[in-house]
Amino acid sequence: MLALLFLVFSCKGKVKEDLAVPGYEMEQGELKVSEQAMNEIVENISSPIEMAAIVKELGTPFSSRYLSNLDNISNHESSFKMAYHLGILGADLGYLNVYEKTGSSVNYLAAISKIADGLKISQFFDFNTMKRLATSSHNIDSLMFLSVHSFNLMDDHLRLTDRSNLSALMITGVWIEGMYLATQVVNEKPDTSLAQYIGEQKVILNDILLILKNYQRDSQFADLINDLETIKVEFDKVKITYQLGEPVAVEKDGMLMIIQQESSSVEINDESLKRIIEITSRIRNKQLTV
């Protein structure tokens, strides 16, 4: 089921329509990020449940302390904040679903629905169905699938209606909340594999910054970029090396394909990890309150 959910996160559709959302105006003359570039970056970013699944596999108990406070994000007026916090809530919902906290997830579903309505993408978020699924732990697989699929559709629609800026913010929100979860866990329960997984996020951060800098003439984007650049300083100290393995033959859609196997090793020292933990927490908490 988790493998299927990760696959769904990268499945993209094609819809086009004119749609204006109040509260945000694009700067004139910005470059348009290509759909191919966005797809490649999205496919490399953890889905709203992946980081939570990794944390659970370590035997880490559930803690509501890792979740965002809904009181801080329920009444944002700007599209910038709504899109960013939509990603934050998506990661939180993934965490709740992975730990089967269906009762608590209803509140987060309601908050997501409200934000989606503000961004005029609520047609892709079936709140009533997901609320019904959340009333029983027996439906957790269906709830997880529908949650991730809904975020896929909302992300698609933002990009395919010329609102890639908001899509980029949603993706950033998912990433920073996933990072917050992982760094808080590794800070309380040191684990080499989780520390290395955090180190691998160096590549993802570079991709996110590449997209966000397309909109840096907007002061809100510029502020977010400056924050993320402070993490990048520490990630630049992380060393990632790749080794090619033996190619393997796999069947896909009735065709034989040759896949090049690749492994990686991550070197991250304790001081860099400590700084990444501190900066991630500061940025995440700042962006939830400003």
Protein backbone atom coordinates (compact mmCIF):
# COMPACT_ATOMS: atom_id res chain seq x y z
CA MET A 1 0.00 0.00 0.00
CA LEU A 2 2.80 2.47 0.86
CA ALA A 3 4.54 1.70 -2.43
CA LEU A 4 1.28 2.37 -4.26
CA LEU A 5 0.81 5.67 -2.45
CA PHE A 6 4.32 6.82 -3.36
CA LEU A 7 3.59 5.97 -6.99
CA VAL A 8 0.29 7.86 -6.93
CA PHE A 9 2.06 10.97 -5.63
CA SER A 10 3.90 11.28 -8.95
CA CYS A 11 0.99 10.52 -11.31
CA LYS A 12 -0.03 13.69 -13.13
CA GLY A 13 -3.06 14.63 -15.24
CA LYS A 14 -3.77 17.40 -17.72
CA VAL A 15 -6.48 20.02 -17.19
CA LYS A 16 -6.48 23.65 -18.27
CA GLU A 17 -8.77 26.52 -17.35
CA ASP A 18 -8.61 30.18 -16.39
CA LEU A 19 -9.01 30.70 -12.67
CA ALA A 20 -8.20 33.73 -10.55
CA VAL A 21 -7.71 33.49 -6.81
CA PRO A 22 -7.80 36.69 -4.75
CA GLY A 23 -5.02 37.56 -2.35
CA TYR A 24 -2.02 37.01 -4.60
CA GLU A 25 -0.77 38.63 -7.78
CA MET A 26 2.17 37.35 -9.80
CA GLU A 27 5.00 39.70 -10.66
CA GLN A 28 5.22 40.52 -14.34
CA GLY A 29 8.06 39.01 -16.31
CA GLU A 30 8.65 35.89 -14.20
CA LEU A 31 9.89 32.80 -15.96
CA LYS A 32 7.46 29.89 -16.16
CA VAL A 33 8.73 26.67 -14.61
CA SER A 34 8.27 23.88 -17.12
CA GLU A 35 5.87 21.07 -16.27
CA GLN A 36 8.64 18.53 -16.87
CA ALA A 37 10.94 20.24 -14.38
CA MET A 38 8.19 20.45 -11.78
CA ASN A 39 7.25 16.81 -12.29
CA GLU A 40 10.83 15.64 -11.81
CA ILE A 41 11.22 17.63 -8.60
CA VAL A 42 7.84 16.56 -7.19
CA GLU A 43 8.69 12.91 -7.86
CA ASN A 44 11.87 13.28 -5.78
CA ILE A 45 10.15 14.89 -2.79
CA SER A 46 8.72 12.63 -0.11
CA SER A 47 4.97 12.17 -0.24
CA PRO A 48 2.90 13.43 2.71
CA ILE A 49 3.18 9.98 4.32
CA GLU A 50 6.67 8.79 3.40
CA MET A 51 8.62 10.53 6.14
CA ALA A 52 6.02 9.48 8.72
CA ALA A 53 6.27 5.87 7.57
CA ILE A 54 10.05 5.94 7.93
CA VAL A 55 9.76 7.36 11.44
CA LYS A 56 7.19 4.73 12.45
CA GLU A 57 9.41 1.93 11.16
CA LEU A 58 12.01 3.00 13.72
CA GLY A 59 9.54 2.16 16.47
CA THR A 60 9.02 5.84 17.38
CA PRO A 61 5.78 6.33 19.33
CA PHE A 62 3.21 8.84 18.11
CA SER A 63 3.43 12.34 19.56
CA SER A 64 1.04 15.22 18.95
CA ARG A 65 3.94 17.58 19.73
CA TYR A 66 5.18 17.08 16.17
CA LEU A 67 1.94 18.38 14.65
CA SER A 68 1.22 21.97 13.67
CA ASN A 69 -1.23 23.95 15.79
CA LEU A 70 -4.46 24.39 13.85
CA ASP A 71 -5.19 27.62 15.72
CA ASN A 72 -2.24 29.24 13.93
CA ILE A 73 -3.30 28.36 10.42
CA SER A 74 -7.08 28.42 10.32
CA ASN A 75 -7.69 32.00 9.17
CA HIS A 76 -4.95 32.96 6.70
CA GLU A 77 -6.13 35.29 3.99
CA SER A 78 -3.27 35.30 1.49
CA SER A 79 -2.92 32.61 -1.14
CA PHE A 80 0.78 32.44 -0.26
CA LYS A 81 0.03 31.34 3.30
CA MET A 82 -2.85 29.09 2.32
CA ALA A 83 -0.76 27.16 -0.22
CA TYR A 84 2.21 26.82 2.11
CA HIS A 85 0.09 25.61 5.01
CA LEU A 86 -1.81 23.24 2.77
CA GLY A 87 1.49 21.40 2.39
CA ILE A 88 2.15 21.56 6.13
CA LEU A 89 -1.26 20.06 6.87
CA GLY A 90 -0.79 17.40 4.20
CA ALA A 91 2.35 16.17 5.95
CA ASP A 92 0.57 16.28 9.33
CA LEU A 93 -2.36 14.31 7.93
CA GLY A 94 0.06 11.73 6.57
CA TYR A 95 1.62 11.39 10.03
CA LEU A 96 -1.80 10.95 11.65
CA ASN A 97 -2.87 8.39 9.06
CA VAL A 98 0.31 6.33 9.33
CA TYR A 99 -0.20 6.07 13.09
CA GLU A 100 -3.94 5.43 12.57
CA LYS A 101 -5.01 8.43 14.65
CA THR A 102 -8.27 8.67 12.75
CA GLY A 103 -10.10 10.70 15.39
CA SER A 104 -7.56 13.53 15.35
CA SER A 105 -7.31 13.45 11.57
CA VAL A 106 -10.88 14.77 11.21
CA ASN A 107 -9.82 18.19 12.51
CA TYR A 108 -6.94 18.32 10.05
CA LEU A 109 -9.21 17.20 7.21
CA ALA A 110 -11.55 20.08 8.05
CA ALA A 111 -8.68 22.59 8.06
CA ILE A 112 -7.38 21.28 4.73
CA SER A 113 -10.88 21.49 3.26
CA LYS A 114 -11.20 25.11 4.35
CA ILE A 115 -7.86 26.09 2.83
CA ALA A 116 -8.60 24.16 -0.36
CA ASP A 117 -11.86 26.07 -0.65
CA GLY A 118 -9.99 29.36 -0.26
CA LEU A 119 -7.67 28.36 -3.10
CA LYS A 120 -10.63 27.22 -5.21
CA ILE A 121 -9.40 23.63 -5.43
CA SER A 122 -11.83 22.06 -2.95
CA GLN A 123 -13.44 20.10 -5.79
CA PHE A 124 -10.43 17.80 -5.61
CA PHE A 125 -10.74 17.21 -1.86
CA ASP A 126 -13.67 14.95 -0.91
CA PHE A 127 -13.99 16.00 2.72
CA ASN A 128 -17.21 14.12 3.44
CA THR A 129 -15.87 10.80 2.16
CA MET A 130 -12.57 11.17 3.98
CA LYS A 131 -14.34 12.19 7.18
CA ARG A 132 -16.45 9.05 6.93
CA LEU A 133 -13.37 6.90 6.35
CA ALA A 134 -11.65 8.53 9.33
CA THR A 135 -14.32 7.28 11.72
CA SER A 136 -12.89 3.75 11.61
CA SER A 137 -9.34 2.41 11.68
CA HIS A 138 -10.52 -0.36 9.34
CA ASN A 139 -10.62 2.22 6.53
CA ILE A 140 -7.12 3.59 7.09
CA ASP A 141 -5.69 2.26 3.80
CA SER A 142 -8.51 3.85 1.83
CA LEU A 143 -8.13 7.11 3.75
CA MET A 144 -4.39 7.22 3.08
CA PHE A 145 -4.88 6.52 -0.61
CA LEU A 146 -7.61 9.13 -1.03
CA SER A 147 -5.65 11.72 0.96
CA VAL A 148 -2.53 11.41 -1.18
CA HIS A 149 -4.55 11.21 -4.39
CA SER A 150 -6.42 14.40 -3.45
CA PHE A 151 -3.16 16.26 -2.88
CA ASN A 152 -1.93 15.04 -6.27
CA LEU A 153 -5.02 16.46 -7.95
CA MET A 154 -4.80 19.78 -6.10
CA ASP A 155 -1.12 20.12 -6.99
CA ASP A 156 -1.87 19.27 -10.62
CA HIS A 157 -4.64 21.82 -10.84
CA LEU A 158 -2.56 24.61 -9.36
CA ARG A 159 0.18 24.03 -11.90
CA LEU A 160 -2.08 23.47 -14.87
CA THR A 161 -4.03 26.67 -14.18
CA ASP A 162 -0.86 28.79 -14.22
CA ARG A 163 -0.47 28.85 -10.44
CA SER A 164 2.83 27.01 -10.23
CA ASN A 165 3.91 29.50 -7.59
CA LEU A 166 1.25 28.13 -5.24
CA SER A 167 2.13 24.55 -6.17
CA ALA A 168 5.75 25.30 -5.25
CA LEU A 169 4.63 26.61 -1.87
CA MET A 170 2.54 23.53 -1.18
CA ILE A 171 5.49 21.29 -2.05
CA THR A 172 7.75 23.36 0.21
CA GLY A 173 5.26 23.03 3.06
CA VAL A 174 5.19 19.25 2.70
CA TRP A 175 8.99 19.14 2.70
CA ILE A 176 9.61 21.44 5.66
CA GLU A 177 7.02 19.65 7.83
CA GLY A 178 8.48 16.27 6.90
CA MET A 179 11.92 17.60 7.77
CA TYR A 180 10.60 18.94 11.06
CA LEU A 181 9.18 15.52 11.96
CA ALA A 182 12.39 13.70 11.07
CA THR A 183 14.70 16.15 12.81
CA GLN A 184 12.62 16.23 15.99
CA VAL A 185 12.61 12.44 16.14
CA VAL A 186 16.34 12.07 15.49
CA ASN A 187 17.02 14.74 18.10
CA GLU A 188 15.11 12.78 20.74
CA LYS A 189 16.08 9.32 19.51
CA PRO A 190 19.41 9.36 17.60
CA ASP A 191 19.43 6.94 14.70
CA THR A 192 22.09 6.64 12.01
CA SER A 193 19.72 5.61 9.22
CA LEU A 194 17.36 8.51 9.91
CA ALA A 195 20.28 10.95 10.11
CA GLN A 196 21.46 9.74 6.70
CA TYR A 197 17.95 10.10 5.29
CA ILE A 198 17.92 13.68 6.54
CA GLY A 199 21.31 14.22 4.87
CA GLU A 200 19.86 13.01 1.57
CA GLN A 201 17.41 15.90 1.68
CA LYS A 202 20.31 18.11 0.56
CA VAL A 203 19.43 17.23 -3.04
CA ILE A 204 15.74 17.94 -2.55
CA LEU A 205 16.41 21.32 -0.94
CA ASN A 206 18.50 22.39 -3.93
CA ASP A 207 15.59 21.48 -6.22
CA ILE A 208 13.08 23.37 -4.08
CA LEU A 209 15.26 26.47 -4.04
CA LEU A 210 15.63 26.26 -7.80
CA ILE A 211 11.86 26.52 -8.16
CA LEU A 212 11.26 29.12 -5.45
CA LYS A 213 13.91 31.47 -6.84
CA ASN A 214 11.77 31.81 -9.94
CA TYR A 215 9.43 33.92 -7.79
CA GLN A 216 11.95 35.66 -5.56
CA ARG A 217 10.91 39.16 -6.67
CA ASP A 218 7.91 38.67 -4.43
CA SER A 219 8.95 39.67 -0.90
CA GLN A 220 7.20 36.69 0.70
CA PHE A 221 9.05 34.27 -1.53
CA ALA A 222 12.31 36.13 -0.93
CA ASP A 223 11.86 35.79 2.83
CA LEU A 224 11.15 32.05 2.54
CA ILE A 225 14.16 31.59 0.26
CA ASN A 226 16.43 33.39 2.72
CA ASP A 227 15.24 31.06 5.48
CA LEU A 228 15.88 27.95 3.41
CA GLU A 229 19.30 29.23 2.39
CA THR A 230 20.32 29.08 6.06
CA ILE A 231 19.64 25.33 6.04
CA LYS A 232 21.48 24.98 2.74
CA VAL A 233 24.65 26.33 4.37
CA GLU A 234 24.64 23.30 6.66
CA PHE A 235 23.53 20.88 3.95
CA ASP A 236 26.48 22.00 1.83
CA LYS A 237 28.68 20.31 4.44
CA VAL A 238 26.94 16.98 3.87
CA LYS A 239 28.79 14.68 1.48
CA ILE A 240 26.80 12.32 -0.73
CA THR A 241 28.58 9.78 -2.93
CA TYR A 242 26.94 7.50 -5.48
CA GLN A 243 27.98 4.06 -6.67
CA LEU A 244 26.64 2.36 -9.79
CA GLY A 245 25.52 -1.24 -9.40
CA GLU A 246 24.63 -3.93 -11.89
CA PRO A 247 21.81 -3.10 -14.35
CA VAL A 248 18.65 -5.19 -13.95
CA ALA A 249 15.91 -6.08 -16.40
CA VAL A 250 12.32 -5.32 -15.35
CA GLU A 251 8.97 -5.57 -17.10
CA LYS A 252 6.82 -2.44 -17.25
CA ASP A 253 3.63 -2.06 -19.25
CA GLY A 254 4.43 -5.21 -21.17
CA MET A 255 7.88 -3.97 -22.18
CA LEU A 256 11.32 -5.07 -21.02
CA MET A 257 13.33 -2.22 -19.55
CA ILE A 258 16.91 -2.06 -18.29
CA ILE A 259 17.22 -0.17 -14.99
CA GLN A 260 20.61 1.01 -13.77
CA GLN A 261 20.94 0.23 -10.09
CA GLU A 262 22.50 2.91 -7.92
CA SER A 263 23.34 3.21 -4.24
CA SER A 264 24.42 6.20 -2.21
CA SER A 265 26.27 6.90 1.00
CA VAL A 266 25.77 9.98 3.15
CA GLU A 267 28.33 11.58 5.45
CA ILE A 268 26.82 14.02 7.94
CA ASN A 269 28.66 15.02 11.09
CA ASP A 270 26.99 15.57 14.44
CA GLU A 271 27.52 19.33 14.40
CA SER A 272 25.91 19.79 10.98
CA LEU A 273 23.00 17.57 11.99
CA LYS A 274 22.52 19.59 15.18
CA ARG A 275 22.45 22.84 13.21
CA ILE A 276 20.00 21.41 10.64
CA ILE A 277 17.70 20.35 13.50
CA GLU A 278 17.83 23.81 15.08
CA ILE A 279 17.34 25.76 11.85
CA THR A 280 14.54 23.51 10.58
CA SER A 281 12.62 24.01 13.82
CA ARG A 282 13.10 27.77 13.71
CA ILE A 283 11.97 28.11 10.10
CA ARG A 284 9.00 25.77 10.49
CA ASN A 285 7.72 27.56 13.57
CA LYS A 286 8.32 30.99 12.05
CA GLN A 287 6.41 30.20 8.89
CA LEU A 288 3.45 28.94 10.91
CA THR A 289 3.05 32.18 12.82
CA VAL A 290 4.09 35.07 10.54
